[in-house]
C-alpha cells in the first residue's frame, strides 16, 4: 500500500477487527492523556 493514499482509502482497506481495535486503542490513549492532564489518580 502506498503512502500517498488518503486516510479514507486506508480505512476502507482495513478489516472490521483492525478498525475496532484502532478505535478502542485511540479511546484508551485519549482517556489516559486526559487523566494525565487533569491529574486524576488511576
Protein backbone atom coordinates (compact mmCIF):
# COMPACT_ATOMS: atom_id res chain seq x y z
CA UNK A 1 0.00 0.00 0.00
CA UNK A 2 1.49 3.31 -0.99
CA UNK A 3 1.74 6.20 1.44
CA UNK A 4 0.02 8.59 -0.97
CA UNK A 5 -3.44 7.07 -0.38
CA UNK A 6 -5.87 9.30 1.51
CA UNK A 7 -6.91 8.29 5.00
CA UNK A 8 -10.38 7.20 3.85
CA UNK A 9 -8.95 4.74 1.35
CA UNK A 10 -6.61 3.36 4.02
CA UNK A 11 -9.50 2.79 6.42
CA UNK A 12 -11.59 1.21 3.65
CA UNK A 13 -8.93 -1.48 3.19
CA UNK A 14 -8.84 -2.39 6.89
CA UNK A 15 -10.73 -5.37 8.26
CA UNK A 16 -13.52 -4.78 10.78
CA UNK A 17 -11.41 -6.28 13.57
CA UNK A 18 -8.49 -3.98 12.81
CA UNK A 19 -10.79 -0.94 12.72
CA UNK A 20 -12.42 -1.89 16.03
CA UNK A 21 -9.01 -2.36 17.63
CA UNK A 22 -7.86 1.01 16.31
CA UNK A 23 -10.94 2.77 17.71
CA UNK A 24 -10.53 1.12 21.14
CA UNK A 25 -6.83 1.98 21.21
CA UNK A 26 -7.49 5.63 20.34
CA UNK A 27 -10.17 5.86 23.05
CA UNK A 28 -7.87 4.35 25.69
CA UNK A 29 -4.95 6.60 24.75
CA UNK A 30 -7.29 9.60 24.77
CA UNK A 31 -8.55 8.75 28.26
CA UNK A 32 -5.04 8.20 29.60
CA UNK A 33 -3.92 11.54 28.15
CA UNK A 34 -6.99 13.23 29.68
CA UNK A 35 -6.20 11.63 33.07
CA UNK A 36 -2.60 12.80 32.80
CA UNK A 37 -3.62 16.39 32.04
CA UNK A 38 -6.39 16.50 34.68
CA UNK A 39 -4.24 14.87 37.35
CA UNK A 40 -6.63 12.00 38.07
CA UNK A 41 -5.46 9.11 40.16
CA UNK A 42 -5.97 5.96 38.10
